[in-house]
N, C-alpha and C. Protein backbone atom coordinates (compact mmCIF):
# COMPACT_ATOMS: atom_id res chain seq x y z
N MET A 1 17.13 -18.51 27.38
CA MET A 1 16.40 -17.26 27.37
C MET A 1 14.91 -17.58 27.49
N SER A 2 14.22 -16.85 28.34
CA SER A 2 12.81 -17.13 28.59
C SER A 2 11.94 -16.68 27.41
N PRO A 3 10.78 -17.30 27.26
CA PRO A 3 9.87 -16.90 26.17
C PRO A 3 9.41 -15.46 26.30
N GLN A 4 9.23 -14.95 27.52
CA GLN A 4 8.81 -13.57 27.70
C GLN A 4 9.88 -12.61 27.21
N LEU A 5 11.13 -12.93 27.49
CA LEU A 5 12.23 -12.07 27.06
C LEU A 5 12.36 -12.09 25.54
N ILE A 6 12.18 -13.24 24.95
CA ILE A 6 12.22 -13.34 23.48
C ILE A 6 11.08 -12.51 22.89
N THR A 7 9.90 -12.57 23.50
CA THR A 7 8.77 -11.79 23.02
C THR A 7 9.07 -10.29 23.09
N LEU A 8 9.70 -9.85 24.17
CA LEU A 8 10.05 -8.44 24.29
C LEU A 8 11.06 -8.02 23.23
N TYR A 9 12.05 -8.88 22.97
CA TYR A 9 13.03 -8.57 21.93
C TYR A 9 12.36 -8.47 20.57
N VAL A 10 11.47 -9.39 20.27
CA VAL A 10 10.78 -9.38 18.98
C VAL A 10 9.91 -8.13 18.86
N ALA A 11 9.21 -7.77 19.93
CA ALA A 11 8.37 -6.57 19.90
C ALA A 11 9.20 -5.31 19.70
N ALA A 12 10.35 -5.23 20.36
CA ALA A 12 11.22 -4.07 20.19
C ALA A 12 11.76 -4.01 18.77
N ALA A 13 12.13 -5.16 18.21
CA ALA A 13 12.63 -5.19 16.83
C ALA A 13 11.54 -4.80 15.84
N ALA A 14 10.31 -5.26 16.09
CA ALA A 14 9.20 -4.92 15.20
C ALA A 14 8.91 -3.42 15.26
N ALA A 15 8.95 -2.85 16.46
CA ALA A 15 8.71 -1.41 16.60
C ALA A 15 9.79 -0.61 15.90
N ALA A 16 11.03 -1.04 16.06
CA ALA A 16 12.14 -0.34 15.38
C ALA A 16 12.01 -0.47 13.87
N ALA A 17 11.60 -1.62 13.37
CA ALA A 17 11.42 -1.80 11.93
C ALA A 17 10.29 -0.93 11.40
N ALA A 18 9.22 -0.81 12.17
CA ALA A 18 8.10 0.03 11.75
C ALA A 18 8.52 1.49 11.68
N VAL A 19 9.27 1.92 12.66
CA VAL A 19 9.77 3.31 12.65
C VAL A 19 10.71 3.52 11.47
N ARG A 20 11.57 2.55 11.21
CA ARG A 20 12.50 2.66 10.09
C ARG A 20 11.75 2.73 8.76
N ARG A 21 10.70 1.90 8.60
CA ARG A 21 9.90 1.95 7.36
C ARG A 21 9.25 3.31 7.17
N ARG A 22 8.70 3.84 8.24
CA ARG A 22 8.06 5.16 8.14
C ARG A 22 9.09 6.24 7.85
N ALA A 23 10.30 6.06 8.39
CA ALA A 23 11.34 7.07 8.20
C ALA A 23 11.86 7.08 6.77
N THR A 24 11.84 5.94 6.11
CA THR A 24 12.38 5.87 4.76
C THR A 24 11.34 6.12 3.69
N ALA A 25 10.08 6.36 4.08
CA ALA A 25 9.04 6.69 3.10
C ALA A 25 9.40 8.03 2.48
N GLY A 26 9.51 8.05 1.17
CA GLY A 26 10.02 9.24 0.48
C GLY A 26 8.99 10.33 0.28
N GLY A 27 9.48 11.55 0.21
CA GLY A 27 8.69 12.67 -0.21
C GLY A 27 7.86 13.37 0.84
N ARG A 28 7.78 12.86 2.02
CA ARG A 28 6.94 13.49 3.03
C ARG A 28 7.80 14.04 4.16
N ASP A 29 7.20 14.97 4.87
CA ASP A 29 7.86 15.49 6.06
C ASP A 29 7.80 14.42 7.14
N ARG A 30 8.96 13.98 7.60
CA ARG A 30 9.01 12.87 8.53
C ARG A 30 9.14 13.32 9.98
N GLY A 31 9.33 14.58 10.22
CA GLY A 31 9.47 15.05 11.59
C GLY A 31 10.80 14.65 12.20
N ASP A 32 10.80 14.48 13.48
CA ASP A 32 12.02 14.16 14.22
C ASP A 32 12.18 12.65 14.35
N VAL A 33 12.48 12.00 13.23
CA VAL A 33 12.57 10.54 13.23
C VAL A 33 13.68 10.02 14.15
N PRO A 34 14.89 10.55 14.10
CA PRO A 34 15.92 10.02 15.02
C PRO A 34 15.51 10.12 16.49
N GLY A 35 14.82 11.18 16.84
CA GLY A 35 14.37 11.31 18.22
C GLY A 35 13.36 10.23 18.59
N TRP A 36 12.41 9.93 17.69
CA TRP A 36 11.42 8.89 17.97
C TRP A 36 12.05 7.51 18.01
N VAL A 37 13.03 7.28 17.16
CA VAL A 37 13.74 5.99 17.20
C VAL A 37 14.45 5.84 18.54
N MET A 38 15.09 6.90 18.98
CA MET A 38 15.80 6.84 20.26
C MET A 38 14.81 6.60 21.41
N ILE A 39 13.66 7.27 21.38
CA ILE A 39 12.66 7.07 22.43
C ILE A 39 12.16 5.63 22.42
N THR A 40 11.91 5.07 21.24
CA THR A 40 11.43 3.70 21.14
C THR A 40 12.46 2.71 21.68
N VAL A 41 13.69 2.86 21.27
CA VAL A 41 14.75 1.95 21.72
C VAL A 41 14.99 2.09 23.22
N MET A 42 15.01 3.32 23.71
CA MET A 42 15.24 3.52 25.14
C MET A 42 14.07 3.00 25.97
N SER A 43 12.85 3.11 25.45
CA SER A 43 11.69 2.57 26.17
C SER A 43 11.78 1.05 26.26
N ALA A 44 12.14 0.41 25.15
CA ALA A 44 12.29 -1.05 25.17
C ALA A 44 13.40 -1.46 26.14
N ALA A 45 14.50 -0.72 26.14
CA ALA A 45 15.60 -1.03 27.06
C ALA A 45 15.17 -0.84 28.52
N LEU A 46 14.37 0.18 28.78
CA LEU A 46 13.89 0.42 30.14
C LEU A 46 12.96 -0.70 30.60
N VAL A 47 12.10 -1.15 29.72
CA VAL A 47 11.22 -2.27 30.06
C VAL A 47 12.04 -3.51 30.40
N LEU A 48 13.04 -3.80 29.58
CA LEU A 48 13.89 -4.96 29.84
C LEU A 48 14.68 -4.78 31.13
N ALA A 49 15.18 -3.57 31.38
CA ALA A 49 15.97 -3.32 32.59
C ALA A 49 15.13 -3.52 33.85
N ILE A 50 13.84 -3.21 33.76
CA ILE A 50 12.96 -3.40 34.92
C ILE A 50 12.50 -4.86 35.00
N LEU A 51 12.17 -5.44 33.86
CA LEU A 51 11.58 -6.77 33.86
C LEU A 51 12.57 -7.86 34.26
N ILE A 52 13.79 -7.78 33.79
CA ILE A 52 14.75 -8.87 34.03
C ILE A 52 15.00 -9.10 35.52
N PRO A 53 15.40 -8.10 36.30
CA PRO A 53 15.68 -8.41 37.71
C PRO A 53 14.44 -8.60 38.57
N PHE A 54 13.30 -8.02 38.16
CA PHE A 54 12.10 -8.06 38.99
C PHE A 54 11.01 -8.95 38.42
N ARG A 55 11.35 -9.82 37.49
CA ARG A 55 10.35 -10.64 36.80
C ARG A 55 9.55 -11.50 37.78
N GLU A 56 10.23 -12.18 38.67
CA GLU A 56 9.53 -13.06 39.61
C GLU A 56 8.61 -12.27 40.54
N ALA A 57 9.07 -11.12 41.02
CA ALA A 57 8.24 -10.30 41.90
C ALA A 57 7.01 -9.79 41.17
N ILE A 58 7.18 -9.39 39.91
CA ILE A 58 6.05 -8.89 39.12
C ILE A 58 5.05 -10.01 38.87
N VAL A 59 5.55 -11.17 38.47
CA VAL A 59 4.66 -12.31 38.21
C VAL A 59 3.92 -12.70 39.48
N ASP A 60 4.62 -12.75 40.61
CA ASP A 60 3.99 -13.10 41.88
C ASP A 60 2.91 -12.08 42.26
N ALA A 61 3.20 -10.80 42.10
CA ALA A 61 2.23 -9.76 42.45
C ALA A 61 0.98 -9.84 41.58
N VAL A 62 1.17 -10.05 40.29
CA VAL A 62 0.03 -10.15 39.38
C VAL A 62 -0.78 -11.41 39.70
N GLN A 63 -0.09 -12.51 39.95
CA GLN A 63 -0.79 -13.76 40.27
C GLN A 63 -1.58 -13.63 41.57
N GLU A 64 -0.99 -12.99 42.56
CA GLU A 64 -1.69 -12.79 43.83
C GLU A 64 -2.92 -11.89 43.65
N ALA A 65 -2.79 -10.85 42.84
CA ALA A 65 -3.93 -9.97 42.58
C ALA A 65 -5.04 -10.72 41.85
N LEU A 66 -4.67 -11.52 40.86
CA LEU A 66 -5.68 -12.29 40.14
C LEU A 66 -6.34 -13.32 41.04
N ASP A 67 -5.55 -13.96 41.87
CA ASP A 67 -6.11 -14.96 42.81
C ASP A 67 -7.07 -14.30 43.79
N SER A 68 -6.74 -13.11 44.27
CA SER A 68 -7.62 -12.45 45.22
C SER A 68 -8.93 -12.04 44.58
N VAL A 69 -8.91 -11.76 43.29
CA VAL A 69 -10.15 -11.37 42.60
C VAL A 69 -10.98 -12.60 42.25
N THR A 70 -10.32 -13.63 41.74
CA THR A 70 -11.07 -14.83 41.29
C THR A 70 -11.53 -15.68 42.47
N ASN A 71 -10.86 -15.63 43.60
CA ASN A 71 -11.22 -16.43 44.77
C ASN A 71 -11.95 -15.63 45.84
N ALA A 72 -12.40 -14.43 45.49
CA ALA A 72 -13.09 -13.59 46.47
C ALA A 72 -14.45 -14.20 46.83
N PRO A 73 -14.81 -14.17 48.10
CA PRO A 73 -16.13 -14.71 48.49
C PRO A 73 -17.26 -13.82 47.96
N ALA A 74 -18.36 -14.43 47.63
CA ALA A 74 -19.52 -13.69 47.12
C ALA A 74 -20.18 -12.95 48.26
N GLN A 75 -20.67 -11.74 47.98
CA GLN A 75 -21.32 -10.94 49.03
C GLN A 75 -22.80 -10.86 48.80
């Protein structure tokens, strides 16, 4: 498993844990917690679904953009 994928998993788990902590805080109006949890989990899944098959293309595009900026001739 790549380090980037592990980082995404850890970030998704941390976000879910933060939402869970806020949801279990007693005595306050918590709003639509299940809905926000679902949005958070689905967003993380969507990022992974896009990143996994297109990782190389995304990295190449970003690298090419950075190279074009850093290697641009001075005017």
